Amino acid sequence: MKASTRQWLEFAQTDLRSCENNLNDEFVTNVVAFHAQQAVEKAFKALIEEKGIKMSRIHNLTRLYALTESFLMNPINETELEMLDNVYTSSRYPGEIGLMSTGKPSLKESKELFGIAQNIFDILLLSLEAGKKQD
């Protein structure tokens, strides 16, 4: 595995750890939701880096999935990707719509987003490890 791929994975794991450390704090559910999206984005970018796919700056998980789908060991639920995409906006300040169009996520919603992110991360990691064995 390329060193740069490992760096993307480490950054994704940092985001997952940030989620985990704040999972039961109702005050920072928006932080958990944001880091869940970021973890998945960075895990996709690890796979993209490993496969040498050229791309511009993309933050949309559905588009990243489309670039990597042929390398995955298991399919990813696109509805879940869309849920995570909904928490990513260029502005993360209260004067704007915020992280979710429905307002700040509940504790239950942030835990669900973390679970989705962890599952997708695991699929991407499995795919990277399987690709390593095939190379």
N, C-alpha and C. Protein backbone atom coordinates (compact mmCIF):
# COMPACT_ATOMS: atom_id res chain seq x y z
N MET A 1 0.85 -1.18 0.00
CA MET A 1 0.00 0.00 0.00
C MET A 1 0.89 1.24 0.00
N LYS A 2 0.52 2.21 -0.80
CA LYS A 2 1.29 3.45 -0.89
C LYS A 2 1.24 4.20 0.44
N ALA A 3 2.33 4.91 0.72
CA ALA A 3 2.37 5.72 1.94
C ALA A 3 1.26 6.77 1.93
N SER A 4 0.99 7.35 0.78
CA SER A 4 -0.05 8.37 0.69
C SER A 4 -1.44 7.77 0.94
N THR A 5 -1.63 6.53 0.54
CA THR A 5 -2.90 5.84 0.82
C THR A 5 -3.06 5.66 2.32
N ARG A 6 -1.99 5.23 2.98
CA ARG A 6 -2.03 5.05 4.43
C ARG A 6 -2.35 6.37 5.14
N GLN A 7 -1.81 7.47 4.61
CA GLN A 7 -2.09 8.78 5.22
C GLN A 7 -3.57 9.13 5.12
N TRP A 8 -4.17 8.89 3.95
CA TRP A 8 -5.60 9.13 3.81
C TRP A 8 -6.38 8.29 4.81
N LEU A 9 -6.00 7.03 4.96
CA LEU A 9 -6.70 6.15 5.91
C LEU A 9 -6.54 6.63 7.35
N GLU A 10 -5.35 7.09 7.70
CA GLU A 10 -5.12 7.60 9.05
C GLU A 10 -5.99 8.82 9.33
N PHE A 11 -6.10 9.70 8.34
CA PHE A 11 -6.95 10.88 8.51
C PHE A 11 -8.42 10.46 8.64
N ALA A 12 -8.83 9.47 7.89
CA ALA A 12 -10.20 8.95 8.00
C ALA A 12 -10.43 8.36 9.39
N GLN A 13 -9.43 7.63 9.89
CA GLN A 13 -9.55 7.04 11.22
C GLN A 13 -9.60 8.11 12.30
N THR A 14 -8.89 9.21 12.08
CA THR A 14 -8.95 10.34 13.02
C THR A 14 -10.37 10.90 13.08
N ASP A 15 -11.00 11.02 11.92
CA ASP A 15 -12.39 11.49 11.90
C ASP A 15 -13.32 10.51 12.61
N LEU A 16 -13.12 9.22 12.38
CA LEU A 16 -13.95 8.22 13.06
C LEU A 16 -13.74 8.27 14.57
N ARG A 17 -12.50 8.46 14.99
CA ARG A 17 -12.21 8.56 16.43
C ARG A 17 -12.87 9.80 17.01
N SER A 18 -12.86 10.90 16.26
CA SER A 18 -13.53 12.12 16.72
C SER A 18 -15.02 11.86 16.92
N CYS A 19 -15.61 11.12 16.01
CA CYS A 19 -17.02 10.74 16.16
C CYS A 19 -17.21 9.92 17.43
N GLU A 20 -16.40 8.91 17.55
CA GLU A 20 -16.52 7.97 18.68
C GLU A 20 -16.39 8.69 20.02
N ASN A 21 -15.43 9.60 20.10
CA ASN A 21 -15.18 10.32 21.35
C ASN A 21 -16.32 11.26 21.73
N ASN A 22 -17.14 11.64 20.76
CA ASN A 22 -18.22 12.60 21.01
C ASN A 22 -19.60 12.01 20.82
N LEU A 23 -19.68 10.72 20.66
CA LEU A 23 -20.92 10.05 20.28
C LEU A 23 -22.08 10.24 21.25
N ASN A 24 -21.79 10.43 22.51
CA ASN A 24 -22.85 10.56 23.50
C ASN A 24 -23.04 11.99 24.00
N ASP A 25 -22.43 12.94 23.32
CA ASP A 25 -22.53 14.34 23.71
C ASP A 25 -23.54 15.05 22.81
N GLU A 26 -24.71 15.32 23.36
CA GLU A 26 -25.79 15.93 22.57
C GLU A 26 -25.44 17.32 22.06
N PHE A 27 -24.50 17.98 22.71
CA PHE A 27 -24.12 19.34 22.30
C PHE A 27 -23.36 19.35 20.98
N VAL A 28 -22.66 18.27 20.65
CA VAL A 28 -21.80 18.26 19.45
C VAL A 28 -22.25 17.23 18.41
N THR A 29 -23.54 17.00 18.31
CA THR A 29 -24.02 16.03 17.31
C THR A 29 -23.68 16.48 15.90
N ASN A 30 -23.65 17.79 15.66
CA ASN A 30 -23.26 18.29 14.34
C ASN A 30 -21.81 17.98 14.03
N VAL A 31 -20.96 17.98 15.04
CA VAL A 31 -19.54 17.65 14.86
C VAL A 31 -19.40 16.17 14.49
N VAL A 32 -20.14 15.32 15.17
CA VAL A 32 -20.12 13.88 14.86
C VAL A 32 -20.58 13.66 13.42
N ALA A 33 -21.67 14.31 13.03
CA ALA A 33 -22.19 14.16 11.67
C ALA A 33 -21.17 14.61 10.64
N PHE A 34 -20.54 15.76 10.87
CA PHE A 34 -19.55 16.27 9.93
C PHE A 34 -18.36 15.32 9.81
N HIS A 35 -17.84 14.85 10.93
CA HIS A 35 -16.68 13.95 10.89
C HIS A 35 -17.03 12.59 10.29
N ALA A 36 -18.27 12.17 10.41
CA ALA A 36 -18.71 10.93 9.76
C ALA A 36 -18.58 11.08 8.25
N GLN A 37 -19.05 12.20 7.71
CA GLN A 37 -18.94 12.45 6.28
C GLN A 37 -17.48 12.52 5.87
N GLN A 38 -16.68 13.23 6.66
CA GLN A 38 -15.27 13.40 6.34
C GLN A 38 -14.52 12.07 6.34
N ALA A 39 -14.85 11.19 7.26
CA ALA A 39 -14.19 9.88 7.32
C ALA A 39 -14.43 9.10 6.04
N VAL A 40 -15.66 9.12 5.56
CA VAL A 40 -15.98 8.38 4.34
C VAL A 40 -15.31 9.03 3.14
N GLU A 41 -15.35 10.34 3.07
CA GLU A 41 -14.68 11.04 1.96
C GLU A 41 -13.20 10.67 1.90
N LYS A 42 -12.53 10.68 3.03
CA LYS A 42 -11.09 10.39 3.06
C LYS A 42 -10.81 8.92 2.77
N ALA A 43 -11.69 8.03 3.18
CA ALA A 43 -11.50 6.61 2.86
C ALA A 43 -11.65 6.38 1.36
N PHE A 44 -12.63 7.04 0.74
CA PHE A 44 -12.75 6.96 -0.72
C PHE A 44 -11.48 7.48 -1.38
N LYS A 45 -10.96 8.57 -0.86
CA LYS A 45 -9.76 9.17 -1.46
C LYS A 45 -8.54 8.29 -1.27
N ALA A 46 -8.52 7.49 -0.21
CA ALA A 46 -7.44 6.51 -0.04
C ALA A 46 -7.47 5.50 -1.17
N LEU A 47 -8.65 5.00 -1.49
CA LEU A 47 -8.79 4.03 -2.58
C LEU A 47 -8.44 4.67 -3.92
N ILE A 48 -8.88 5.88 -4.12
CA ILE A 48 -8.57 6.62 -5.35
C ILE A 48 -7.07 6.81 -5.48
N GLU A 49 -6.42 7.16 -4.40
CA GLU A 49 -4.96 7.34 -4.39
C GLU A 49 -4.25 6.02 -4.72
N GLU A 50 -4.70 4.96 -4.08
CA GLU A 50 -4.06 3.65 -4.28
C GLU A 50 -4.19 3.19 -5.73
N LYS A 51 -5.32 3.47 -6.34
CA LYS A 51 -5.57 3.03 -7.72
C LYS A 51 -5.03 4.01 -8.76
N GLY A 52 -4.52 5.15 -8.31
CA GLY A 52 -3.94 6.12 -9.24
C GLY A 52 -4.97 6.81 -10.12
N ILE A 53 -6.17 6.95 -9.62
CA ILE A 53 -7.24 7.62 -10.38
C ILE A 53 -7.02 9.13 -10.30
N LYS A 54 -7.04 9.77 -11.45
CA LYS A 54 -6.91 11.23 -11.50
C LYS A 54 -8.29 11.85 -11.29
N MET A 55 -8.34 12.86 -10.44
CA MET A 55 -9.61 13.53 -10.18
C MET A 55 -9.36 14.94 -9.70
N SER A 56 -10.37 15.77 -9.87
CA SER A 56 -10.31 17.11 -9.32
C SER A 56 -10.81 17.04 -7.87
N ARG A 57 -10.85 18.17 -7.23
CA ARG A 57 -11.33 18.18 -5.84
C ARG A 57 -12.82 17.86 -5.81
N ILE A 58 -13.12 16.72 -5.26
CA ILE A 58 -14.51 16.27 -5.16
C ILE A 58 -14.80 15.98 -3.69
N HIS A 59 -15.93 16.47 -3.22
CA HIS A 59 -16.35 16.18 -1.85
C HIS A 59 -17.63 15.36 -1.83
N ASN A 60 -18.28 15.25 -2.96
CA ASN A 60 -19.55 14.54 -3.06
C ASN A 60 -19.31 13.03 -3.02
N LEU A 61 -19.86 12.38 -2.01
CA LEU A 61 -19.60 10.95 -1.80
C LEU A 61 -20.17 10.09 -2.92
N THR A 62 -21.29 10.48 -3.47
CA THR A 62 -21.88 9.71 -4.56
C THR A 62 -20.96 9.72 -5.78
N ARG A 63 -20.36 10.86 -6.06
CA ARG A 63 -19.42 10.95 -7.18
C ARG A 63 -18.14 10.15 -6.89
N LEU A 64 -17.67 10.20 -5.65
CA LEU A 64 -16.48 9.42 -5.29
C LEU A 64 -16.78 7.92 -5.40
N TYR A 65 -17.98 7.53 -5.01
CA TYR A 65 -18.39 6.13 -5.13
C TYR A 65 -18.39 5.70 -6.59
N ALA A 66 -18.89 6.55 -7.46
CA ALA A 66 -18.93 6.23 -8.89
C ALA A 66 -17.53 5.99 -9.45
N LEU A 67 -16.55 6.73 -8.93
CA LEU A 67 -15.16 6.57 -9.39
C LEU A 67 -14.54 5.26 -8.91
N THR A 68 -15.03 4.73 -7.80
CA THR A 68 -14.37 3.59 -7.16
C THR A 68 -15.18 2.31 -7.14
N GLU A 69 -16.40 2.37 -7.57
CA GLU A 69 -17.33 1.24 -7.43
C GLU A 69 -16.76 -0.07 -7.98
N SER A 70 -16.05 0.01 -9.09
CA SER A 70 -15.52 -1.22 -9.71
C SER A 70 -14.42 -1.88 -8.88
N PHE A 71 -13.86 -1.18 -7.91
CA PHE A 71 -12.79 -1.72 -7.07
C PHE A 71 -13.29 -2.27 -5.74
N LEU A 72 -14.59 -2.13 -5.46
CA LEU A 72 -15.11 -2.48 -4.15
C LEU A 72 -15.50 -3.94 -4.05
N MET A 73 -15.23 -4.52 -2.89
CA MET A 73 -15.57 -5.90 -2.61
C MET A 73 -17.08 -6.06 -2.38
N ASN A 74 -17.71 -5.03 -1.85
CA ASN A 74 -19.14 -5.04 -1.55
C ASN A 74 -19.75 -3.72 -2.00
N PRO A 75 -21.01 -3.74 -2.40
CA PRO A 75 -21.66 -2.49 -2.79
C PRO A 75 -21.91 -1.60 -1.57
N ILE A 76 -22.06 -0.33 -1.83
CA ILE A 76 -22.36 0.64 -0.78
C ILE A 76 -23.75 1.21 -1.06
N ASN A 77 -24.52 1.37 -0.02
CA ASN A 77 -25.88 1.90 -0.13
C ASN A 77 -25.81 3.38 -0.49
N GLU A 78 -26.31 3.72 -1.68
CA GLU A 78 -26.23 5.11 -2.14
C GLU A 78 -27.13 6.05 -1.33
N THR A 79 -28.19 5.53 -0.77
CA THR A 79 -29.05 6.35 0.09
C THR A 79 -28.27 6.79 1.33
N GLU A 80 -27.45 5.89 1.85
CA GLU A 80 -26.62 6.24 3.01
C GLU A 80 -25.56 7.28 2.62
N LEU A 81 -25.01 7.16 1.42
CA LEU A 81 -24.05 8.17 0.96
C LEU A 81 -24.73 9.54 0.87
N GLU A 82 -25.94 9.55 0.37
CA GLU A 82 -26.69 10.81 0.26
C GLU A 82 -26.97 11.40 1.64
N MET A 83 -27.26 10.54 2.62
CA MET A 83 -27.47 11.02 3.99
C MET A 83 -26.21 11.72 4.50
N LEU A 84 -25.06 11.08 4.27
CA LEU A 84 -23.80 11.68 4.71
C LEU A 84 -23.50 12.95 3.93
N ASP A 85 -23.79 12.95 2.63
CA ASP A 85 -23.57 14.14 1.81
C ASP A 85 -24.38 15.33 2.32
N ASN A 86 -25.55 15.06 2.86
CA ASN A 86 -26.40 16.14 3.36
C ASN A 86 -25.79 16.89 4.54
N VAL A 87 -24.83 16.29 5.22
CA VAL A 87 -24.22 16.98 6.36
C VAL A 87 -23.01 17.81 5.96
N TYR A 88 -22.59 17.69 4.70
CA TYR A 88 -21.44 18.46 4.25
C TYR A 88 -21.90 19.67 3.48
N THR A 89 -21.55 20.83 3.93
CA THR A 89 -21.81 22.06 3.19
C THR A 89 -20.55 22.89 3.23
N SER A 90 -20.44 23.82 2.31
CA SER A 90 -19.25 24.67 2.30
C SER A 90 -19.24 25.61 3.49
N SER A 91 -20.40 25.85 4.05
CA SER A 91 -20.49 26.70 5.23
C SER A 91 -21.03 25.89 6.40
N ARG A 92 -20.33 25.96 7.54
CA ARG A 92 -20.76 25.19 8.71
C ARG A 92 -21.14 26.14 9.86
N TYR A 93 -21.76 27.23 9.49
CA TYR A 93 -22.08 28.24 10.49
C TYR A 93 -23.58 28.39 10.65
N PRO A 94 -24.04 28.78 11.83
CA PRO A 94 -25.47 28.81 12.10
C PRO A 94 -26.26 29.81 11.25
N GLY A 95 -25.62 30.82 10.70
CA GLY A 95 -26.32 31.79 9.87
C GLY A 95 -26.81 31.21 8.56
N GLU A 96 -26.22 30.10 8.16
CA GLU A 96 -26.62 29.42 6.93
C GLU A 96 -27.60 28.30 7.29
N ILE A 97 -27.87 27.43 6.35
CA ILE A 97 -28.79 26.32 6.60
C ILE A 97 -28.26 25.43 7.72
N GLY A 98 -26.96 25.32 7.82
CA GLY A 98 -26.37 24.45 8.83
C GLY A 98 -25.97 23.13 8.22
N LEU A 99 -25.68 22.18 9.04
CA LEU A 99 -25.19 20.90 8.57
C LEU A 99 -26.28 20.02 7.99
N MET A 100 -27.48 20.18 8.45
CA MET A 100 -28.59 19.37 7.92
C MET A 100 -29.76 20.31 7.66
N SER A 101 -30.43 20.10 6.56
CA SER A 101 -31.55 20.98 6.21
C SER A 101 -32.65 20.92 7.27
N THR A 102 -32.69 19.86 8.03
CA THR A 102 -33.69 19.72 9.09
C THR A 102 -33.20 20.27 10.42
N GLY A 103 -32.03 20.89 10.44
CA GLY A 103 -31.46 21.42 11.67
C GLY A 103 -30.38 20.51 12.21
N LYS A 104 -29.96 20.80 13.41
CA LYS A 104 -28.91 20.02 14.05
C LYS A 104 -29.38 18.57 14.23
N PRO A 105 -28.51 17.60 13.91
CA PRO A 105 -28.93 16.20 14.06
C PRO A 105 -29.16 15.83 15.53
N SER A 106 -30.08 14.94 15.74
CA SER A 106 -30.32 14.43 17.09
C SER A 106 -29.19 13.47 17.46
N LEU A 107 -29.15 13.10 18.71
CA LEU A 107 -28.16 12.13 19.17
C LEU A 107 -28.33 10.82 18.40
N LYS A 108 -29.57 10.40 18.23
CA LYS A 108 -29.85 9.17 17.49
C LYS A 108 -29.36 9.28 16.04
N GLU A 109 -29.64 10.41 15.39
CA GLU A 109 -29.20 10.60 13.99
C GLU A 109 -27.68 10.62 13.87
N SER A 110 -27.01 11.28 14.81
CA SER A 110 -25.55 11.33 14.73
C SER A 110 -24.94 9.95 14.95
N LYS A 111 -25.54 9.16 15.83
CA LYS A 111 -25.06 7.79 16.03
C LYS A 111 -25.29 6.94 14.78
N GLU A 112 -26.43 7.15 14.13
CA GLU A 112 -26.71 6.43 12.89
C GLU A 112 -25.69 6.80 11.80
N LEU A 113 -25.39 8.08 11.68
CA LEU A 113 -24.42 8.53 10.69
C LEU A 113 -23.03 7.95 10.98
N PHE A 114 -22.67 7.89 12.25
CA PHE A 114 -21.39 7.28 12.62
C PHE A 114 -21.36 5.81 12.23
N GLY A 115 -22.43 5.09 12.51
CA GLY A 115 -22.50 3.67 12.14
C GLY A 115 -22.38 3.46 10.65
N ILE A 116 -23.04 4.31 9.89
CA ILE A 116 -22.95 4.25 8.43
C ILE A 116 -21.51 4.49 7.99
N ALA A 117 -20.90 5.53 8.55
CA ALA A 117 -19.52 5.86 8.19
C ALA A 117 -18.57 4.72 8.52
N GLN A 118 -18.73 4.12 9.69
CA GLN A 118 -17.86 3.01 10.09
C GLN A 118 -18.02 1.84 9.13
N ASN A 119 -19.25 1.53 8.76
CA ASN A 119 -19.51 0.44 7.83
C ASN A 119 -18.88 0.69 6.46
N ILE A 120 -19.05 1.89 5.94
CA ILE A 120 -18.47 2.23 4.63
C ILE A 120 -16.95 2.21 4.70
N PHE A 121 -16.40 2.75 5.79
CA PHE A 121 -14.94 2.71 5.97
C PHE A 121 -14.45 1.27 5.92
N ASP A 122 -15.15 0.37 6.61
CA ASP A 122 -14.76 -1.04 6.64
C ASP A 122 -14.80 -1.67 5.24
N ILE A 123 -15.82 -1.33 4.45
CA ILE A 123 -15.92 -1.84 3.08
C ILE A 123 -14.74 -1.34 2.25
N LEU A 124 -14.42 -0.07 2.38
CA LEU A 124 -13.31 0.49 1.61
C LEU A 124 -11.97 -0.09 2.05
N LEU A 125 -11.79 -0.27 3.35
CA LEU A 125 -10.55 -0.87 3.85
C LEU A 125 -10.41 -2.31 3.37
N LEU A 126 -11.47 -3.07 3.43
CA LEU A 126 -11.47 -4.45 2.93
C LEU A 126 -11.10 -4.48 1.45
N SER A 127 -11.64 -3.56 0.69
CA SER A 127 -11.36 -3.49 -0.74
C SER A 127 -9.90 -3.12 -0.99
N LEU A 128 -9.36 -2.23 -0.20
CA LEU A 128 -7.94 -1.88 -0.32
C LEU A 128 -7.06 -3.07 0.01
N GLU A 129 -7.39 -3.77 1.08
CA GLU A 129 -6.58 -4.93 1.48
C GLU A 129 -6.68 -6.05 0.45
N ALA A 130 -7.85 -6.25 -0.12
CA ALA A 130 -8.03 -7.28 -1.16
C ALA A 130 -7.25 -6.90 -2.41
N GLY A 131 -7.26 -5.63 -2.75
CA GLY A 131 -6.51 -5.15 -3.91
C GLY A 131 -5.02 -5.33 -3.73
N LYS A 132 -4.57 -5.18 -2.49
CA LYS A 132 -3.15 -5.36 -2.17
C LYS A 132 -2.72 -6.80 -2.42
N LYS A 133 -3.59 -7.75 -2.10
CA LYS A 133 -3.27 -9.16 -2.29
C LYS A 133 -3.25 -9.54 -3.77
N GLN A 134 -4.06 -8.83 -4.57
CA GLN A 134 -4.14 -9.12 -6.00
C GLN A 134 -2.97 -8.53 -6.78
N ASP A 135 -2.36 -7.47 -6.24
CA ASP A 135 -1.26 -6.80 -6.96
C ASP A 135 0.01 -7.60 -6.98
